[in-house]
Structures are given as structure tokens and as C-alpha cells.
C-alpha atoms as a PDB file:
ATOM      1  CA  UNK A   1      69.248  46.999 141.595  1.00  0.00           C
ATOM      2  CA  UNK A   2      67.864  43.884 139.764  1.00  0.00           C
ATOM      3  CA  UNK A   3      64.768  42.329 141.666  1.00  0.00           C
ATOM      4  CA  UNK A   4      62.358  39.045 141.176  1.00  0.00           C
ATOM      5  CA  UNK A   5      58.943  39.891 141.640  1.00  0.00           C
ATOM      6  CA  UNK A   6      55.764  37.558 141.536  1.00  0.00           C
ATOM      7  CA  UNK A   7      52.404  38.256 143.146  1.00  0.00           C
ATOM      8  CA  UNK A   8      50.857  37.403 146.439  1.00  0.00           C
ATOM      9  CA  UNK A   9      49.125  33.956 146.925  1.00  0.00           C
ATOM     10  CA  UNK A  10      45.686  33.260 147.717  1.00  0.00           C
ATOM     11  CA  UNK A  11      47.154  30.477 149.856  1.00  0.00           C
ATOM     12  CA  UNK A  12      48.237  31.943 153.128  1.00  0.00           C
ATOM     13  CA  UNK A  13      49.613  30.867 156.435  1.00  0.00           C
ATOM     14  CA  UNK A  14      46.421  31.924 158.738  1.00  0.00           C
ATOM     15  CA  UNK A  15      48.671  32.766 162.187  1.00  0.00           C
ATOM     16  CA  UNK A  16      47.412  35.742 163.684  1.00  0.00           C
ATOM     17  CA  UNK A  17      50.933  37.352 164.406  1.00  0.00           C
ATOM     18  CA  UNK A  18      52.952  39.203 161.903  1.00  0.00           C
ATOM     19  CA  UNK A  19      54.814  36.953 159.497  1.00  0.00           C
ATOM     20  CA  UNK A  20      57.334  37.585 157.028  1.00  0.00           C
ATOM     21  CA  UNK A  21      55.892  37.651 153.560  1.00  0.00           C
ATOM     22  CA  UNK A  22      57.382  34.642 152.296  1.00  0.00           C
ATOM     23  CA  UNK A  23      55.880  32.674 155.297  1.00  0.00           C
ATOM     24  CA  UNK A  24      52.525  34.368 154.851  1.00  0.00           C
ATOM     25  CA  UNK A  25      52.113  33.159 151.224  1.00  0.00           C
ATOM     26  CA  UNK A  26      52.369  29.744 150.862  1.00  0.00           C
ATOM     27  CA  UNK A  27      51.283  29.452 147.064  1.00  0.00           C
ATOM     28  CA  UNK A  28      53.924  27.104 145.158  1.00  0.00           C
ATOM     29  CA  UNK A  29      54.882  30.220 142.756  1.00  0.00           C
ATOM     30  CA  UNK A  30      56.246  32.034 145.944  1.00  0.00           C
ATOM     31  CA  UNK A  31      58.366  29.344 146.634  1.00  0.00           C
ATOM     32  CA  UNK A  32      59.764  29.001 143.168  1.00  0.00           C
ATOM     33  CA  UNK A  33      60.295  32.406 142.796  1.00  0.00           C
ATOM     34  CA  UNK A  34      62.220  32.383 146.152  1.00  0.00           C
ATOM     35  CA  UNK A  35      64.319  29.656 144.995  1.00  0.00           C
ATOM     36  CA  UNK A  36      65.256  32.003 141.766  1.00  0.00           C
ATOM     37  CA  UNK A  37      66.196  34.838 143.820  1.00  0.00           C
ATOM     38  CA  UNK A  38      68.153  32.807 146.151  1.00  0.00           C
ATOM     39  CA  UNK A  39      70.126  31.263 143.096  1.00  0.00           C
ATOM     40  CA  UNK A  40      70.801  34.528 141.584  1.00  0.00           C
ATOM     41  CA  UNK A  41      71.524  36.150 145.051  1.00  0.00           C
ATOM     42  CA  UNK A  42      68.997  38.832 144.268  1.00  0.00           C
ATOM     43  CA  UNK A  43      66.132  40.289 146.344  1.00  0.00           C
ATOM     44  CA  UNK A  44      62.489  38.993 145.756  1.00  0.00           C
ATOM     45  CA  UNK A  45      59.380  41.098 146.188  1.00  0.00           C
ATOM     46  CA  UNK A  46      55.906  40.217 146.080  1.00  0.00           C
ATOM     47  CA  UNK A  47      53.237  42.357 144.597  1.00  0.00           C
ATOM     48  CA  UNK A  48      49.985  42.263 146.643  1.00  0.00           C
ATOM     49  CA  UNK A  49      46.779  44.309 145.916  1.00  0.00           C
ATOM     50  CA  UNK A  50      46.497  44.885 149.636  1.00  0.00           C
ATOM     51  CA  UNK A  51      50.077  46.079 150.461  1.00  0.00           C
ATOM     52  CA  UNK A  52      51.738  47.224 146.803  1.00  0.00           C
ATOM     53  CA  UNK A  53      55.012  45.892 146.369  1.00  0.00           C
ATOM     54  CA  UNK A  54      56.708  44.350 149.495  1.00  0.00           C
ATOM     55  CA  UNK A  55      60.154  42.602 150.357  1.00  0.00           C
ATOM     56  CA  UNK A  56      59.963  39.055 151.029  1.00  0.00           C
ATOM     57  CA  UNK A  57      60.953  39.691 154.335  1.00  0.00           C
ATOM     58  CA  UNK A  58      58.708  42.304 155.287  1.00  0.00           C
ATOM     59  CA  UNK A  59      56.202  41.502 158.176  1.00  0.00           C
ATOM     60  CA  UNK A  60      52.403  41.463 157.364  1.00  0.00           C
ATOM     61  CA  UNK A  61      48.891  40.406 158.809  1.00  0.00           C
ATOM     62  CA  UNK A  62      46.897  37.906 157.549  1.00  0.00           C
ATOM     63  CA  UNK A  63      44.291  39.403 155.382  1.00  0.00           C
ATOM     64  CA  UNK A  64      42.154  38.117 152.175  1.00  0.00           C
ATOM     65  CA  UNK A  65      42.046  40.488 149.179  1.00  0.00           C
ATOM     66  CA  UNK A  66      42.088  39.630 145.479  1.00  0.00           C
ATOM     67  CA  UNK A  67      43.088  42.012 143.080  1.00  0.00           C
ATOM     68  CA  UNK A  68      40.130  42.280 140.575  1.00  0.00           C
ATOM     69  CA  UNK A  69      41.324  44.957 138.170  1.00  0.00           C
ATOM     70  CA  UNK A  70      44.338  47.245 137.998  1.00  0.00           C
ATOM     71  CA  UNK A  71      43.981  50.787 139.747  1.00  0.00           C
ATOM     72  CA  UNK A  72      45.647  54.039 139.189  1.00  0.00           C
ATOM     73  CA  UNK A  73      46.388  54.349 142.949  1.00  0.00           C
ATOM     74  CA  UNK A  74      47.960  50.879 143.111  1.00  0.00           C
ATOM     75  CA  UNK A  75      50.191  51.639 140.159  1.00  0.00           C
ATOM     76  CA  UNK A  76      51.536  54.957 141.561  1.00  0.00           C
ATOM     77  CA  UNK A  77      51.982  52.984 144.879  1.00  0.00           C
ATOM     78  CA  UNK A  78      54.043  50.147 143.301  1.00  0.00           C
ATOM     79  CA  UNK A  79      55.848  52.784 141.297  1.00  0.00           C
ATOM     80  CA  UNK A  80      56.810  55.013 144.283  1.00  0.00           C
ATOM     81  CA  UNK A  81      57.879  51.728 146.337  1.00  0.00           C
ATOM     82  CA  UNK A  82      60.097  50.655 143.832  1.00  0.00           C
ATOM     83  CA  UNK A  83      61.804  53.998 143.366  1.00  0.00           C
ATOM     84  CA  UNK A  84      62.293  54.183 147.237  1.00  0.00           C
ATOM     85  CA  UNK A  85      63.760  50.720 147.203  1.00  0.00           C
ATOM     86  CA  UNK A  86      66.050  51.425 144.627  1.00  0.00           C
ATOM     87  CA  UNK A  87      64.910  48.945 141.978  1.00  0.00           C
ATOM     88  CA  UNK A  88      65.885  49.321 138.372  1.00  0.00           C
ATOM     89  CA  UNK A  89      65.048  45.990 137.014  1.00  0.00           C
ATOM     90  CA  UNK A  90      62.307  43.436 137.135  1.00  0.00           C
ATOM     91  CA  UNK A  91      62.367  39.940 136.639  1.00  0.00           C
ATOM     92  CA  UNK A  92      58.613  39.225 136.759  1.00  0.00           C
ATOM     93  CA  UNK A  93      57.831  35.757 137.426  1.00  0.00           C
ATOM     94  CA  UNK A  94      54.053  34.731 136.451  1.00  0.00           C
ATOM     95  CA  UNK A  95      51.517  32.318 135.201  1.00  0.00           C
ATOM     96  CA  UNK A  96      49.107  32.561 132.574  1.00  0.00           C
ATOM     97  CA  UNK A  97      46.151  32.798 134.527  1.00  0.00           C
ATOM     98  CA  UNK A  98      43.036  35.255 134.347  1.00  0.00           C
ATOM     99  CA  UNK A  99      43.514  35.862 138.007  1.00  0.00           C
ATOM    100  CA  UNK A 100      47.148  37.222 137.224  1.00  0.00           C
ATOM    101  CA  UNK A 101      45.904  39.503 134.583  1.00  0.00           C
ATOM    102  CA  UNK A 102      45.517  42.833 136.871  1.00  0.00           C
ATOM    103  CA  UNK A 103      48.590  42.011 138.743  1.00  0.00           C
ATOM    104  CA  UNK A 104      50.471  41.850 135.667  1.00  0.00           C
ATOM    105  CA  UNK A 105      48.922  45.111 134.272  1.00  0.00           C
ATOM    106  CA  UNK A 106      49.667  46.943 137.417  1.00  0.00           C
ATOM    107  CA  UNK A 107      53.336  46.005 137.364  1.00  0.00           C
ATOM    108  CA  UNK A 108      53.752  46.998 133.792  1.00  0.00           C
ATOM    109  CA  UNK A 109      52.189  50.289 134.376  1.00  0.00           C
ATOM    110  CA  UNK A 110      53.912  50.812 137.511  1.00  0.00           C
ATOM    111  CA  UNK A 111      57.468  49.888 135.907  1.00  0.00           C
ATOM    112  CA  UNK A 112      56.460  52.275 133.107  1.00  0.00           C
ATOM    113  CA  UNK A 113      55.965  55.074 135.268  1.00  0.00           C
ATOM    114  CA  UNK A 114      59.092  54.700 137.213  1.00  0.00           C
ATOM    115  CA  UNK A 115      61.198  53.943 134.350  1.00  0.00           C
ATOM    116  CA  UNK A 116      62.107  50.419 135.357  1.00  0.00           C
ATOM    117  CA  UNK A 117      63.004  47.666 133.011  1.00  0.00           C
ATOM    118  CA  UNK A 118      60.542  44.769 133.070  1.00  0.00           C
ATOM    119  CA  UNK A 119      61.170  41.289 132.088  1.00  0.00           C
ATOM    120  CA  UNK A 120      58.496  38.564 131.881  1.00  0.00           C
ATOM    121  CA  UNK A 121      59.663  34.960 133.109  1.00  0.00           C
ATOM    122  CA  UNK A 122      56.839  32.373 132.839  1.00  0.00           C
ATOM    123  CA  UNK A 123      56.566  29.915 135.615  1.00  0.00           C
END
């Protein structure tokens, strides 16, 4: 299955109840990736340093965590989550920003580990 992936957002809805990921994360890149996923009629996943790879409709708590460097544990988690979801191809929607580098590296390594085709799409 082909999917779109982007990273989580520093800007979040601070509601205390569980919210779908696309309602929790309010960054502009999340909205752009969702529009593209809708246009292509494929799922959107969000890469979170806290939760790993999550579906756009997955319910998550409010949290504050910035992935500062890639980790072997997160890479293995993301690879396992992608395999479990049946993901075979990823279009990664990213920005050339320093804060995105650990997410980029984590996804690249996880896709390599899981045998997933990875394409980069600059926002």
C-alpha cells in the first residue's frame, strides 16, 4: 500500500481529550499533506518522535516532544508499524529545516529496514 508521510507538528491543539492526529497537529504542513493524500485517495501517516508512525485518524493525547536525533529504537518501531500496516511505498512530504533532519533520517532508515520504497516530496 502506498501512503503519504509527514512529520508531527510543534503546533498542537491543546485540548485534553484524545483527538485524531490530524486534529491534534495543526501545523500547515499537516494540512498540505492531508490535501494531497485526499487528492490521491491514499492514507496519510504522521511520524512522531513520541508515538512512531501513526495513522492520521489515530487518537492521541496532547504532548510536547521534539525528536533531536534519530534513534535505533524509534527506527525499529517505525519499521514494525509500517510492516504491520502493510505499507510498501512512502511519499515523504518534508521541509528543508534543521529540526526535520532526525525525522528524515529515522524514516529513511526505517524504510530501508522494512524494504519500503521511499520518495521525497519537498513542501
